[in-house]
C-alpha atoms as a PDB file:
ATOM      1  CA  MET A   1       0.000   0.000   0.000  1.00  0.00           C
ATOM      2  CA  PRO A   2       1.401   3.409  -0.876  1.00  0.00           C
ATOM      3  CA  VAL A   3       2.228   6.012   1.752  1.00  0.00           C
ATOM      4  CA  LEU A   4       0.745   9.420   0.995  1.00  0.00           C
ATOM      5  CA  PRO A   5       0.753  12.696   2.937  1.00  0.00           C
ATOM      6  CA  SER A   6      -2.607  13.619   4.438  1.00  0.00           C
ATOM      7  CA  LYS A   7      -4.243  16.818   3.231  1.00  0.00           C
ATOM      8  CA  VAL A   8      -6.160  17.147   6.516  1.00  0.00           C
ATOM      9  CA  ILE A   9      -4.090  15.614   9.333  1.00  0.00           C
ATOM     10  CA  THR A  10      -0.879  17.405  10.346  1.00  0.00           C
ATOM     11  CA  TYR A  11       1.395  17.397  13.379  1.00  0.00           C
ATOM     12  CA  LYS A  12       4.048  19.743  14.717  1.00  0.00           C
ATOM     13  CA  LEU A  13       7.157  18.573  16.528  1.00  0.00           C
ATOM     14  CA  LYS A  14       8.722  20.702  19.276  1.00  0.00           C
ATOM     15  CA  ASP A  15      11.945  21.275  17.365  1.00  0.00           C
ATOM     16  CA  LYS A  16      10.308  22.242  14.048  1.00  0.00           C
ATOM     17  CA  ALA A  17       8.793  25.603  13.146  1.00  0.00           C
ATOM     18  CA  TYR A  18       6.119  24.165  10.872  1.00  0.00           C
ATOM     19  CA  ALA A  19       3.521  21.398  10.851  1.00  0.00           C
ATOM     20  CA  GLU A  20       4.119  18.335   8.706  1.00  0.00           C
ATOM     21  CA  PRO A  21       1.427  16.247   7.026  1.00  0.00           C
ATOM     22  CA  TYR A  22       0.779  12.869   8.592  1.00  0.00           C
ATOM     23  CA  LEU A  23       1.884  10.044   6.288  1.00  0.00           C
ATOM     24  CA  LEU A  24      -0.733   7.342   5.978  1.00  0.00           C
ATOM     25  CA  ARG A  25      -1.069   4.117   4.056  1.00  0.00           C
ATOM     26  CA  THR A  26      -3.910   4.040   1.599  1.00  0.00           C
ATOM     27  CA  HIS A  27      -5.454   1.552  -0.741  1.00  0.00           C
ATOM     28  CA  GLN A  28      -8.164   1.731  -3.309  1.00  0.00           C
ATOM     29  CA  ILE A  29     -11.051  -0.665  -3.073  1.00  0.00           C
ATOM     30  CA  ALA A  30     -12.530  -1.473  -6.453  1.00  0.00           C
ATOM     31  CA  ILE A  31     -15.220  -3.677  -7.923  1.00  0.00           C
ATOM     32  CA  TYR A  32     -14.263  -5.601 -11.039  1.00  0.00           C
ATOM     33  CA  PRO A  33     -17.473  -6.423 -12.987  1.00  0.00           C
ATOM     34  CA  GLN A  34     -16.014  -9.329 -15.003  1.00  0.00           C
ATOM     35  CA  GLU A  35     -14.581 -11.008 -11.909  1.00  0.00           C
ATOM     36  CA  THR A  36     -17.837 -10.443 -10.029  1.00  0.00           C
ATOM     37  CA  GLU A  37     -19.763 -12.263 -12.745  1.00  0.00           C
ATOM     38  CA  LYS A  38     -17.339 -15.201 -12.597  1.00  0.00           C
ATOM     39  CA  VAL A  39     -17.691 -15.505  -8.834  1.00  0.00           C
ATOM     40  CA  LEU A  40     -21.476 -15.258  -8.929  1.00  0.00           C
ATOM     41  CA  LYS A  41     -21.650 -17.975 -11.596  1.00  0.00           C
ATOM     42  CA  LEU A  42     -19.461 -20.259  -9.477  1.00  0.00           C
ATOM     43  CA  ILE A  43     -21.641 -19.653  -6.423  1.00  0.00           C
ATOM     44  CA  LYS A  44     -24.785 -20.445  -8.394  1.00  0.00           C
ATOM     45  CA  LEU A  45     -23.193 -23.637  -9.778  1.00  0.00           C
ATOM     46  CA  LYS A  46     -22.152 -24.768  -6.301  1.00  0.00           C
ATOM     47  CA  LYS A  47     -25.619 -24.097  -4.903  1.00  0.00           C
ATOM     48  CA  GLY A  48     -27.186 -26.061  -7.759  1.00  0.00           C
ATOM     49  CA  SER A  49     -24.836 -29.037  -7.352  1.00  0.00           C
ATOM     50  CA  SER A  50     -25.321 -29.228  -3.556  1.00  0.00           C
ATOM     51  CA  ALA A  51     -29.098 -29.469  -4.059  1.00  0.00           C
ATOM     52  CA  ILE A  52     -28.629 -32.513  -6.290  1.00  0.00           C
ATOM     53  CA  GLU A  53     -26.410 -34.395  -3.790  1.00  0.00           C
END
C-alpha cells in the first residue's frame, strides 16, 4: 500500500517551526465487474450441485 501525505491531518514537533502532514497508508477498493460475474456464476453452480447431492 502506498504512503501518501494527508491533506487534513498534520502534526508539529517541538523542534520544528512548521507542521508536517501525517503520512498514511492508503489503498483503493474497487469492484471488477467481469470477476464479479465469474464468482457469482461459481456460487450459483455450487448451490445447484449441492441441491442434487
